[in-house]
């Protein structure tokens, strides 16, 4: 089951990279709007799937310094 989630996360990440690369190219206004909408949808899907796959979040207490000396 985890492998399936990881594969879906990877697919969303790949799509996001592809859409970002396309946005750097010469597109018509209609194409640009479509790609921007798809990019937003992929980013939302990735965030949702990531939260579902990895529900735990760890936070550090305020004032904690994580710099390495």
PDB file of N, CA and C in Angstrom:
ATOM      1  N   UNK A   1       0.825  -1.193   0.000  1.00  0.00           N
ATOM      2  CA  UNK A   1       0.000   0.000   0.000  1.00  0.00           C
ATOM      3  C   UNK A   1       0.869   1.256   0.000  1.00  0.00           C
ATOM      4  N   UNK A   2       1.901   1.274   0.793  1.00  0.00           N
ATOM      5  CA  UNK A   2       2.799   2.429   0.836  1.00  0.00           C
ATOM      6  C   UNK A   2       3.460   2.633  -0.521  1.00  0.00           C
ATOM      7  N   UNK A   3       3.821   1.535  -1.183  1.00  0.00           N
ATOM      8  CA  UNK A   3       4.436   1.648  -2.511  1.00  0.00           C
ATOM      9  C   UNK A   3       3.506   2.356  -3.495  1.00  0.00           C
ATOM     10  N   UNK A   4       2.216   2.061  -3.396  1.00  0.00           N
ATOM     11  CA  UNK A   4       1.240   2.709  -4.275  1.00  0.00           C
ATOM     12  C   UNK A   4       1.174   4.209  -4.000  1.00  0.00           C
ATOM     13  N   UNK A   5       1.142   4.578  -2.720  1.00  0.00           N
ATOM     14  CA  UNK A   5       1.128   5.993  -2.363  1.00  0.00           C
ATOM     15  C   UNK A   5       2.392   6.692  -2.853  1.00  0.00           C
ATOM     16  N   UNK A   6       3.531   6.065  -2.663  1.00  0.00           N
ATOM     17  CA  UNK A   6       4.785   6.670  -3.100  1.00  0.00           C
ATOM     18  C   UNK A   6       4.831   6.823  -4.621  1.00  0.00           C
ATOM     19  N   UNK A   7       4.289   5.867  -5.338  1.00  0.00           N
ATOM     20  CA  UNK A   7       4.234   5.958  -6.800  1.00  0.00           C
ATOM     21  C   UNK A   7       3.332   7.120  -7.226  1.00  0.00           C
ATOM     22  N   UNK A   8       2.221   7.292  -6.542  1.00  0.00           N
ATOM     23  CA  UNK A   8       1.322   8.407  -6.866  1.00  0.00           C
ATOM     24  C   UNK A   8       1.967   9.743  -6.539  1.00  0.00           C
ATOM     25  N   UNK A   9       2.678   9.824  -5.417  1.00  0.00           N
ATOM     26  CA  UNK A   9       3.400  11.048  -5.061  1.00  0.00           C
ATOM     27  C   UNK A   9       4.438  11.368  -6.127  1.00  0.00           C
ATOM     28  N   UNK A  10       5.170  10.344  -6.552  1.00  0.00           N
ATOM     29  CA  UNK A  10       6.189  10.524  -7.597  1.00  0.00           C
ATOM     30  C   UNK A  10       5.556  11.019  -8.900  1.00  0.00           C
ATOM     31  N   UNK A  11       4.406  10.475  -9.255  1.00  0.00           N
ATOM     32  CA  UNK A  11       3.720  10.890 -10.482  1.00  0.00           C
ATOM     33  C   UNK A  11       3.303  12.361 -10.402  1.00  0.00           C
ATOM     34  N   UNK A  12       2.767  12.775  -9.259  1.00  0.00           N
ATOM     35  CA  UNK A  12       2.387  14.184  -9.088  1.00  0.00           C
ATOM     36  C   UNK A  12       3.622  15.084  -9.169  1.00  0.00           C
ATOM     37  N   UNK A  13       4.699  14.675  -8.518  1.00  0.00           N
ATOM     38  CA  UNK A  13       5.937  15.466  -8.569  1.00  0.00           C
ATOM     39  C   UNK A  13       6.448  15.598  -9.992  1.00  0.00           C
ATOM     40  N   UNK A  14       6.428  14.506 -10.733  1.00  0.00           N
ATOM     41  CA  UNK A  14       6.874  14.539 -12.130  1.00  0.00           C
ATOM     42  C   UNK A  14       6.002  15.471 -12.968  1.00  0.00           C
ATOM     43  N   UNK A  15       4.698  15.417 -12.740  1.00  0.00           N
ATOM     44  CA  UNK A  15       3.791  16.309 -13.468  1.00  0.00           C
ATOM     45  C   UNK A  15       4.069  17.769 -13.135  1.00  0.00           C
ATOM     46  N   UNK A  16       4.311  18.059 -11.865  1.00  0.00           N
ATOM     47  CA  UNK A  16       4.613  19.423 -11.440  1.00  0.00           C
ATOM     48  C   UNK A  16       5.881  19.923 -12.125  1.00  0.00           C
ATOM     49  N   UNK A  17       6.906  19.092 -12.157  1.00  0.00           N
ATOM     50  CA  UNK A  17       8.152  19.487 -12.831  1.00  0.00           C
ATOM     51  C   UNK A  17       7.904  19.725 -14.321  1.00  0.00           C
ATOM     52  N   UNK A  18       7.112  18.856 -14.942  1.00  0.00           N
ATOM     53  CA  UNK A  18       6.823  19.011 -16.364  1.00  0.00           C
ATOM     54  C   UNK A  18       6.076  20.313 -16.622  1.00  0.00           C
ATOM     55  N   UNK A  19       5.061  20.622 -15.802  1.00  0.00           N
ATOM     56  CA  UNK A  19       4.289  21.851 -15.999  1.00  0.00           C
ATOM     57  C   UNK A  19       5.153  23.091 -15.774  1.00  0.00           C
ATOM     58  N   UNK A  20       6.029  23.045 -14.781  1.00  0.00           N
ATOM     59  CA  UNK A  20       6.930  24.182 -14.550  1.00  0.00           C
ATOM     60  C   UNK A  20       7.862  24.385 -15.738  1.00  0.00           C
ATOM     61  N   UNK A  21       8.339  23.296 -16.290  1.00  0.00           N
ATOM     62  CA  UNK A  21       9.209  23.384 -17.468  1.00  0.00           C
ATOM     63  C   UNK A  21       8.428  23.955 -18.658  1.00  0.00           C
ATOM     64  N   UNK A  22       7.192  23.529 -18.846  1.00  0.00           N
ATOM     65  CA  UNK A  22       6.366  24.041 -19.931  1.00  0.00           C
ATOM     66  C   UNK A  22       6.094  25.538 -19.781  1.00  0.00           C
ATOM     67  N   UNK A  23       5.918  25.997 -18.543  1.00  0.00           N
ATOM     68  CA  UNK A  23       5.659  27.415 -18.324  1.00  0.00           C
ATOM     69  C   UNK A  23       6.840  28.290 -18.731  1.00  0.00           C
ATOM     70  N   UNK A  24       8.035  27.709 -18.775  1.00  0.00           N
ATOM     71  CA  UNK A  24       9.218  28.460 -19.199  1.00  0.00           C
ATOM     72  C   UNK A  24       9.312  28.569 -20.715  1.00  0.00           C
ATOM     73  N   UNK A  25       8.466  27.823 -21.419  1.00  0.00           N
ATOM     74  CA  UNK A  25       8.504  27.815 -22.883  1.00  0.00           C
ATOM     75  C   UNK A  25       7.543  28.865 -23.450  1.00  0.00           C
ATOM     76  N   UNK A  26       7.547  28.995 -24.748  1.00  0.00           N
ATOM     77  CA  UNK A  26       6.701  29.956 -25.446  1.00  0.00           C
ATOM     78  C   UNK A  26       5.307  29.355 -25.621  1.00  0.00           C
ATOM     79  N   UNK A  27       4.336  29.869 -24.868  1.00  0.00           N
ATOM     80  CA  UNK A  27       2.967  29.347 -24.905  1.00  0.00           C
ATOM     81  C   UNK A  27       1.987  30.451 -25.255  1.00  0.00           C
ATOM     82  N   UNK A  28       0.872  30.057 -25.834  1.00  0.00           N
ATOM     83  CA  UNK A  28      -0.212  31.025 -26.038  1.00  0.00           C
ATOM     84  C   UNK A  28      -0.870  31.300 -24.687  1.00  0.00           C
ATOM     85  N   UNK A  29      -1.693  32.334 -24.639  1.00  0.00           N
ATOM     86  CA  UNK A  29      -2.374  32.673 -23.383  1.00  0.00           C
ATOM     87  C   UNK A  29      -3.279  31.536 -22.910  1.00  0.00           C
ATOM     88  N   UNK A  30      -3.960  30.904 -23.838  1.00  0.00           N
ATOM     89  CA  UNK A  30      -4.864  29.796 -23.496  1.00  0.00           C
ATOM     90  C   UNK A  30      -4.053  28.620 -22.936  1.00  0.00           C
ATOM     91  N   UNK A  31      -2.960  28.290 -23.599  1.00  0.00           N
ATOM     92  CA  UNK A  31      -2.112  27.187 -23.126  1.00  0.00           C
ATOM     93  C   UNK A  31      -1.538  27.497 -21.747  1.00  0.00           C
ATOM     94  N   UNK A  32      -1.086  28.729 -21.563  1.00  0.00           N
ATOM     95  CA  UNK A  32      -0.507  29.129 -20.270  1.00  0.00           C
ATOM     96  C   UNK A  32      -1.546  29.013 -19.154  1.00  0.00           C
ATOM     97  N   UNK A  33      -2.762  29.470 -19.411  1.00  0.00           N
ATOM     98  CA  UNK A  33      -3.823  29.366 -18.406  1.00  0.00           C
ATOM     99  C   UNK A  33      -4.109  27.909 -18.058  1.00  0.00           C
ATOM    100  N   UNK A  34      -4.158  27.067 -19.078  1.00  0.00           N
ATOM    101  CA  UNK A  34      -4.415  25.647 -18.852  1.00  0.00           C
ATOM    102  C   UNK A  34      -3.304  25.029 -18.005  1.00  0.00           C
ATOM    103  N   UNK A  35      -2.054  25.303 -18.358  1.00  0.00           N
ATOM    104  CA  UNK A  35      -0.908  24.732 -17.628  1.00  0.00           C
ATOM    105  C   UNK A  35      -0.885  25.241 -16.195  1.00  0.00           C
ATOM    106  N   UNK A  36      -1.154  26.520 -15.998  1.00  0.00           N
ATOM    107  CA  UNK A  36      -1.172  27.070 -14.635  1.00  0.00           C
ATOM    108  C   UNK A  36      -2.257  26.417 -13.793  1.00  0.00           C
ATOM    109  N   UNK A  37      -3.438  26.184 -14.410  1.00  0.00           N
ATOM    110  CA  UNK A  37      -4.533  25.519 -13.682  1.00  0.00           C
ATOM    111  C   UNK A  37      -4.143  24.082 -13.332  1.00  0.00           C
ATOM    112  N   UNK A  38      -3.564  23.366 -14.291  1.00  0.00           N
ATOM    113  CA  UNK A  38      -3.140  21.986 -14.044  1.00  0.00           C
ATOM    114  C   UNK A  38      -2.049  21.931 -12.986  1.00  0.00           C
ATOM    115  N   UNK A  39      -1.122  22.890 -13.009  1.00  0.00           N
ATOM    116  CA  UNK A  39      -0.053  22.939 -12.010  1.00  0.00           C
ATOM    117  C   UNK A  39      -0.643  23.101 -10.617  1.00  0.00           C
ATOM    118  N   UNK A  40      -1.596  24.007 -10.482  1.00  0.00           N
ATOM    119  CA  UNK A  40      -2.259  24.212  -9.190  1.00  0.00           C
ATOM    120  C   UNK A  40      -2.974  22.944  -8.726  1.00  0.00           C
ATOM    121  N   UNK A  41      -3.651  22.271  -9.643  1.00  0.00           N
ATOM    122  CA  UNK A  41      -4.354  21.029  -9.301  1.00  0.00           C
ATOM    123  C   UNK A  41      -3.373  19.946  -8.847  1.00  0.00           C
ATOM    124  N   UNK A  42      -2.253  19.827  -9.546  1.00  0.00           N
ATOM    125  CA  UNK A  42      -1.249  18.816  -9.182  1.00  0.00           C
ATOM    126  C   UNK A  42      -0.635  19.127  -7.823  1.00  0.00           C
ATOM    127  N   UNK A  43      -0.350  20.398  -7.563  1.00  0.00           N
ATOM    128  CA  UNK A  43       0.235  20.780  -6.277  1.00  0.00           C
ATOM    129  C   UNK A  43      -0.736  20.493  -5.135  1.00  0.00           C
ATOM    130  N   UNK A  44      -2.009  20.788  -5.346  1.00  0.00           N
ATOM    131  CA  UNK A  44      -3.029  20.510  -4.338  1.00  0.00           C
ATOM    132  C   UNK A  44      -3.156  19.006  -4.089  1.00  0.00           C
ATOM    133  N   UNK A  45      -3.162  18.237  -5.166  1.00  0.00           N
ATOM    134  CA  UNK A  45      -3.263  16.779  -5.041  1.00  0.00           C
ATOM    135  C   UNK A  45      -2.043  16.218  -4.310  1.00  0.00           C
ATOM    136  N   UNK A  46      -0.865  16.752  -4.609  1.00  0.00           N
ATOM    137  CA  UNK A  46       0.349  16.290  -3.946  1.00  0.00           C
ATOM    138  C   UNK A  46       0.311  16.596  -2.453  1.00  0.00           C
ATOM    139  N   UNK A  47      -0.096  17.791  -2.091  1.00  0.00           N
ATOM    140  CA  UNK A  47      -0.188  18.144  -0.674  1.00  0.00           C
ATOM    141  C   UNK A  47      -1.187  17.251   0.057  1.00  0.00           C
ATOM    142  N   UNK A  48      -2.333  17.016  -0.560  1.00  0.00           N
ATOM    143  CA  UNK A  48      -3.353  16.171   0.047  1.00  0.00           C
ATOM    144  C   UNK A  48      -2.863  14.738   0.223  1.00  0.00           C
ATOM    145  N   UNK A  49      -2.270  14.197  -0.832  1.00  0.00           N
ATOM    146  CA  UNK A  49      -1.768  12.823  -0.773  1.00  0.00           C
ATOM    147  C   UNK A  49      -0.628  12.691   0.226  1.00  0.00           C
ATOM    148  N   UNK A  50       0.238  13.686   0.286  1.00  0.00           N
ATOM    149  CA  UNK A  50       1.355  13.659   1.241  1.00  0.00           C
ATOM    150  C   UNK A  50       0.836  13.671   2.676  1.00  0.00           C
ATOM    151  N   UNK A  51      -0.157  14.507   2.928  1.00  0.00           N
ATOM    152  CA  UNK A  51      -0.741  14.569   4.268  1.00  0.00           C
ATOM    153  C   UNK A  51      -1.416  13.256   4.642  1.00  0.00           C
ATOM    154  N   UNK A  52      -2.028  12.615   3.665  1.00  0.00           N
ATOM    155  CA  UNK A  52      -2.694  11.337   3.902  1.00  0.00           C
ATOM    156  C   UNK A  52      -1.670  10.219   4.125  1.00  0.00           C
ATOM    157  N   UNK A  53      -0.573  10.269   3.374  1.00  0.00           N
ATOM    158  CA  UNK A  53       0.445   9.221   3.448  1.00  0.00           C
ATOM    159  C   UNK A  53       1.312   9.354   4.680  1.00  0.00           C
ATOM    160  N   UNK A  54       1.642  10.596   5.009  1.00  0.00           N
ATOM    161  CA  UNK A  54       2.522  10.879   6.151  1.00  0.00           C
ATOM    162  C   UNK A  54       1.787  11.807   7.112  1.00  0.00           C
ATOM    163  N   UNK A  55       0.851  11.278   7.899  1.00  0.00           N
ATOM    164  CA  UNK A  55      -0.007  12.130   8.731  1.00  0.00           C
ATOM    165  C   UNK A  55       0.689  12.749   9.941  1.00  0.00           C
ATOM    166  N   UNK A  56       1.835  12.242  10.318  1.00  0.00           N
ATOM    167  CA  UNK A  56       2.509  12.784  11.489  1.00  0.00           C
ATOM    168  C   UNK A  56       3.312  14.014  11.118  1.00  0.00           C
ATOM    169  N   UNK A  57       3.285  14.987  11.984  1.00  0.00           N
ATOM    170  CA  UNK A  57       4.091  16.185  11.793  1.00  0.00           C
ATOM    171  C   UNK A  57       4.816  16.452  13.105  1.00  0.00           C
ATOM    172  N   UNK A  58       6.067  16.700  13.010  1.00  0.00           N
ATOM    173  CA  UNK A  58       6.853  16.980  14.193  1.00  0.00           C
ATOM    174  C   UNK A  58       7.237  18.457  14.184  1.00  0.00           C
ATOM    175  N   UNK A  59       7.123  19.087  15.322  1.00  0.00           N
ATOM    176  CA  UNK A  59       7.528  20.479  15.418  1.00  0.00           C
ATOM    177  C   UNK A  59       8.452  20.625  16.617  1.00  0.00           C
ATOM    178  N   UNK A  60       9.336  21.569  16.485  1.00  0.00           N
ATOM    179  CA  UNK A  60      10.279  21.838  17.555  1.00  0.00           C
ATOM    180  C   UNK A  60       9.714  22.895  18.483  1.00  0.00           C
ATOM    181  N   UNK A  61      10.050  22.829  19.754  1.00  0.00           N
ATOM    182  CA  UNK A  61       9.600  23.875  20.681  1.00  0.00           C
ATOM    183  C   UNK A  61      10.146  25.228  20.233  1.00  0.00           C
ATOM    184  N   UNK A  62       9.401  26.277  20.512  1.00  0.00           N
ATOM    185  CA  UNK A  62       9.840  27.618  20.156  1.00  0.00           C
ATOM    186  C   UNK A  62      11.163  27.918  20.846  1.00  0.00           C
ATOM    187  N   UNK A  63      12.013  28.611  20.118  1.00  0.00           N
ATOM    188  CA  UNK A  63      13.315  28.993  20.672  1.00  0.00           C
ATOM    189  C   UNK A  63      14.389  27.944  20.494  1.00  0.00           C
ATOM    190  N   UNK A  64      14.071  26.811  19.881  1.00  0.00           N
ATOM    191  CA  UNK A  64      15.057  25.768  19.661  1.00  0.00           C
ATOM    192  C   UNK A  64      15.960  26.180  18.508  1.00  0.00           C
ATOM    193  N   UNK A  65      17.268  26.124  18.727  1.00  0.00           N
ATOM    194  CA  UNK A  65      18.234  26.494  17.704  1.00  0.00           C
ATOM    195  C   UNK A  65      18.771  25.212  17.077  1.00  0.00           C
ATOM    196  N   UNK A  66      18.525  25.049  15.756  1.00  0.00           N
ATOM    197  CA  UNK A  66      18.953  23.835  15.056  1.00  0.00           C
ATOM    198  C   UNK A  66      20.247  24.029  14.272  1.00  0.00           C
ATOM    199  N   UNK A  67      20.922  25.153  14.474  1.00  0.00           N
ATOM    200  CA  UNK A  67      22.156  25.388  13.732  1.00  0.00           C
ATOM    201  C   UNK A  67      23.257  24.461  14.244  1.00  0.00           C
ATOM    202  N   UNK A  68      24.124  24.037  13.324  1.00  0.00           N
ATOM    203  CA  UNK A  68      25.211  23.147  13.666  1.00  0.00           C
ATOM    204  C   UNK A  68      26.448  23.980  13.945  1.00  0.00           C
ATOM    205  N   UNK A  69      27.074  23.705  15.059  1.00  0.00           N
ATOM    206  CA  UNK A  69      28.276  24.474  15.414  1.00  0.00           C
ATOM    207  C   UNK A  69      29.521  23.803  14.930  1.00  0.00           C
TER     208      UNK A  69
END
